[in-house]
Amino acid sequence: MELKKVIETRRSIRKFKTDPVPEAYIQELLEAARLAPSGGNIQPWRFVVIKSPEARAQLSDLTLDFVARAPVVIACCTDMSALKAQAARYKELRDSGAFEGVTMNLSRALPQSSREIGEEQTRGYLHQNTAIAVEHIVLRAVDLGLGCCWVMMFDRAELAARLELPEYIRPFCLVPIGYPDQDPRPRPRKPLDKIVFWEKYE
């Protein structure tokens, strides 16, 4: 499907057919996430694929009812220790030629006050990068004829415990995935003139 069409037809799907999602499609979704960009190439995203009826049933008391009814649920998580490898990831970027012909004046772009960020800002930064990978999953799902939905309403601590995640891997969102059993109308969106500000030319 052409990208513009994918973006235009994407909807949050909350009703799914019982048809299984092919394993090859699940791999396609994970590969789309793997290829997502991230700040400094830190790639903090981690994923748990939940497919079995037993595992999905365990989600039913942790989140919204429709999530466990999807044939596949991807628990999208963030590695909160990812910044410890920041120097190595940045070196990978340099070695791959990402900055060839570009002046990287970090002292001007990042004043000292901006470099010293607290725990809350760090958490937000890492989750922000995971969100980019999640949207890659969402758009690729539409491209494959699947439906899905971002779900942020769930018991994160209990999910982490049930999935036996290490302490530094934090659940960020759930993405239930399957063949749509509904065809929602386009959702209302604000017009561009309500969300875009143009610089003033003089």
Protein backbone atom coordinates (compact mmCIF):
# COMPACT_ATOMS: atom_id res chain seq x y z
CA MET A 1 0.00 0.00 0.00
CA GLU A 2 1.26 3.49 -0.79
CA LEU A 3 2.42 5.33 2.36
CA LYS A 4 -0.05 8.20 2.00
CA LYS A 5 -2.88 5.66 1.81
CA VAL A 6 -1.58 3.86 4.91
CA ILE A 7 -1.60 7.11 6.88
CA GLU A 8 -5.05 8.10 5.63
CA THR A 9 -6.68 4.72 6.33
CA ARG A 10 -5.11 3.96 9.70
CA ARG A 11 -7.68 3.69 12.49
CA SER A 12 -7.57 2.51 16.07
CA ILE A 13 -9.06 -0.98 15.81
CA ARG A 14 -10.69 -2.47 18.90
CA LYS A 15 -12.60 -5.39 17.34
CA PHE A 16 -10.64 -8.23 15.75
CA LYS A 17 -11.45 -11.36 13.79
CA THR A 18 -10.29 -14.64 15.30
CA ASP A 19 -8.08 -15.41 12.30
CA PRO A 20 -4.47 -15.94 13.38
CA VAL A 21 -1.82 -13.45 12.31
CA PRO A 22 0.83 -15.20 10.17
CA GLU A 23 4.20 -15.55 11.85
CA ALA A 24 5.81 -13.88 8.83
CA TYR A 25 3.64 -10.81 9.41
CA ILE A 26 4.68 -10.63 13.07
CA GLN A 27 8.31 -10.71 11.95
CA GLU A 28 7.56 -7.91 9.47
CA LEU A 29 6.15 -5.75 12.27
CA LEU A 30 9.15 -6.35 14.51
CA GLU A 31 11.54 -5.63 11.64
CA ALA A 32 9.74 -2.34 10.97
CA ALA A 33 10.28 -1.42 14.62
CA ARG A 34 13.93 -2.46 14.51
CA LEU A 35 14.56 -0.06 11.62
CA ALA A 36 13.10 2.96 13.44
CA PRO A 37 15.33 5.97 14.09
CA SER A 38 16.38 6.92 17.61
CA GLY A 39 18.27 9.76 19.19
CA GLY A 40 21.99 8.98 19.06
CA ASN A 41 21.06 5.51 17.76
CA ILE A 42 20.34 4.32 21.32
CA GLN A 43 17.52 1.97 20.21
CA PRO A 44 15.92 1.56 23.67
CA TRP A 45 12.88 -0.41 22.49
CA ARG A 46 12.25 -3.98 23.59
CA PHE A 47 9.25 -6.14 22.65
CA VAL A 48 7.39 -9.09 24.12
CA VAL A 49 5.12 -10.93 21.66
CA ILE A 50 2.07 -12.39 23.43
CA LYS A 51 0.19 -14.93 21.30
CA SER A 52 -0.98 -17.96 23.25
CA PRO A 53 -4.57 -17.98 24.54
CA GLU A 54 -3.24 -18.59 28.05
CA ALA A 55 -0.87 -15.63 27.99
CA ARG A 56 -3.48 -13.34 26.44
CA ALA A 57 -6.03 -14.40 29.05
CA GLN A 58 -3.66 -13.19 31.73
CA LEU A 59 -3.94 -9.69 30.25
CA SER A 60 -7.69 -9.52 30.76
CA ASP A 61 -7.49 -8.26 34.35
CA LEU A 62 -4.61 -5.86 33.64
CA THR A 63 -6.00 -3.74 30.83
CA LEU A 64 -9.03 -3.00 28.65
CA ASP A 65 -11.20 -5.99 27.70
CA PHE A 66 -10.64 -5.85 23.95
CA VAL A 67 -6.85 -6.16 24.22
CA ALA A 68 -6.86 -9.82 25.27
CA ARG A 69 -9.25 -10.68 22.42
CA ALA A 70 -6.70 -9.75 19.75
CA PRO A 71 -4.82 -12.72 18.25
CA VAL A 72 -1.50 -11.02 19.02
CA VAL A 73 -0.49 -8.44 21.59
CA ILE A 74 2.91 -6.80 21.51
CA ALA A 75 4.07 -5.40 24.83
CA CYS A 76 6.29 -2.51 23.81
CA CYS A 77 8.88 -1.75 26.47
CA THR A 78 11.78 0.60 27.08
CA ASP A 79 15.24 -0.35 28.26
CA MET A 80 15.86 2.32 30.87
CA SER A 81 19.58 1.47 30.89
CA ALA A 82 20.01 2.21 27.18
CA LEU A 83 21.87 5.47 27.74
CA LYS A 84 24.74 3.57 29.35
CA ALA A 85 25.70 2.47 25.83
CA GLN A 86 25.28 5.96 24.37
CA ALA A 87 28.98 6.42 23.60
CA ALA A 88 29.16 3.10 21.76
CA ARG A 89 26.00 3.82 19.78
CA TYR A 90 27.29 7.28 18.84
CA LYS A 91 30.57 5.75 17.66
CA GLU A 92 28.56 3.38 15.46
CA LEU A 93 26.91 6.39 13.86
CA ARG A 94 30.26 8.07 13.21
CA ASP A 95 31.78 4.87 11.83
CA SER A 96 28.81 4.37 9.50
CA GLY A 97 29.35 7.82 7.98
CA ALA A 98 26.19 9.37 9.41
CA PHE A 99 27.89 12.72 9.99
CA GLU A 100 30.02 12.97 6.84
CA GLY A 101 30.06 16.53 5.54
CA VAL A 102 28.11 17.79 8.56
CA THR A 103 29.46 20.00 11.35
CA MET A 104 28.20 18.70 14.69
CA ASN A 105 28.58 21.71 16.99
CA LEU A 106 27.11 20.07 20.09
CA SER A 107 28.34 22.77 22.47
CA ARG A 108 26.14 25.30 20.68
CA ALA A 109 23.17 22.96 20.17
CA LEU A 110 23.24 21.63 23.73
CA PRO A 111 24.09 24.27 26.32
CA GLN A 112 25.28 22.87 29.65
CA SER A 113 21.87 23.38 31.24
CA SER A 114 20.27 21.12 28.63
CA ARG A 115 22.77 18.31 29.11
CA GLU A 116 22.02 17.95 32.79
CA ILE A 117 18.60 16.33 32.70
CA GLY A 118 16.91 14.63 35.60
CA GLU A 119 15.42 11.18 35.95
CA GLU A 120 11.96 12.26 34.74
CA GLN A 121 13.35 13.89 31.58
CA THR A 122 15.55 10.86 30.90
CA ARG A 123 12.56 8.53 31.21
CA GLY A 124 10.56 10.72 28.84
CA TYR A 125 13.40 10.83 26.33
CA LEU A 126 13.79 7.04 26.29
CA HIS A 127 10.04 6.41 26.00
CA GLN A 128 9.86 9.00 23.21
CA ASN A 129 12.30 6.93 21.17
CA THR A 130 10.31 3.75 21.85
CA ALA A 131 7.19 5.56 20.61
CA ILE A 132 8.82 6.07 17.21
CA ALA A 133 9.35 2.31 16.88
CA VAL A 134 5.76 1.64 17.97
CA GLU A 135 4.40 3.87 15.23
CA HIS A 136 6.50 1.96 12.71
CA ILE A 137 4.68 -1.19 13.90
CA VAL A 138 1.31 0.53 13.58
CA LEU A 139 1.89 1.76 10.02
CA ARG A 140 3.35 -1.54 8.83
CA ALA A 141 0.36 -3.35 10.32
CA VAL A 142 -2.01 -1.25 8.22
CA ASP A 143 0.17 -1.90 5.17
CA LEU A 144 -0.24 -5.65 5.76
CA GLY A 145 -4.02 -5.41 6.08
CA LEU A 146 -3.98 -5.70 9.87
CA GLY A 147 -5.52 -3.47 12.49
CA CYS A 148 -4.13 -2.40 15.83
CA CYS A 149 -4.45 0.16 18.58
CA TRP A 150 -2.12 1.97 20.95
CA VAL A 151 -3.13 1.10 24.52
CA MET A 152 -1.64 3.05 27.41
CA MET A 153 -4.19 2.01 30.03
CA PHE A 154 -2.81 -1.02 31.85
CA ASP A 155 -1.13 -2.04 35.09
CA ARG A 156 2.53 -1.62 34.21
CA ALA A 157 3.99 -3.01 37.42
CA GLU A 158 1.84 -6.15 37.32
CA LEU A 159 2.51 -6.71 33.62
CA ALA A 160 6.26 -6.42 34.20
CA ALA A 161 5.97 -8.96 37.00
CA ARG A 162 3.95 -11.45 34.95
CA LEU A 163 6.31 -11.14 32.00
CA GLU A 164 9.26 -11.52 34.40
CA LEU A 165 10.96 -8.45 32.96
CA PRO A 166 14.21 -7.26 34.53
CA GLU A 167 13.82 -4.09 36.59
CA TYR A 168 15.37 -1.87 33.93
CA ILE A 169 12.89 -2.96 31.21
CA ARG A 170 9.70 -0.92 31.65
CA PRO A 171 6.42 -1.56 29.80
CA PHE A 172 5.49 1.48 27.71
CA CYS A 173 2.35 0.48 25.78
CA LEU A 174 0.40 -2.50 24.51
CA VAL A 175 -0.43 -2.98 20.83
CA PRO A 176 -3.19 -5.54 20.17
CA ILE A 177 -3.02 -6.72 16.55
CA GLY A 178 -5.26 -8.74 14.27
CA TYR A 179 -7.47 -8.60 11.21
CA PRO A 180 -10.06 -5.82 11.72
CA ASP A 181 -13.64 -6.81 12.44
CA GLN A 182 -14.83 -3.23 12.07
CA ASP A 183 -14.44 -0.40 9.57
CA PRO A 184 -14.41 2.85 11.55
CA ARG A 185 -15.13 6.17 9.88
CA PRO A 186 -12.33 8.76 9.76
CA ARG A 187 -11.83 10.44 13.11
CA PRO A 188 -12.18 14.22 13.39
CA ARG A 189 -8.93 16.09 12.98
CA LYS A 190 -8.18 19.78 13.34
CA PRO A 191 -7.46 21.61 10.06
CA LEU A 192 -3.88 22.64 9.30
CA ASP A 193 -4.58 26.33 9.95
CA LYS A 194 -5.34 25.42 13.59
CA ILE A 195 -2.09 23.54 14.20
CA VAL A 196 0.56 25.20 11.99
CA PHE A 197 2.28 28.52 12.60
CA TRP A 198 4.36 29.98 9.81
CA GLU A 199 7.38 32.18 10.24
CA LYS A 200 6.78 35.78 9.27
CA TYR A 201 8.70 36.89 6.19
CA GLU A 202 9.77 40.50 6.09
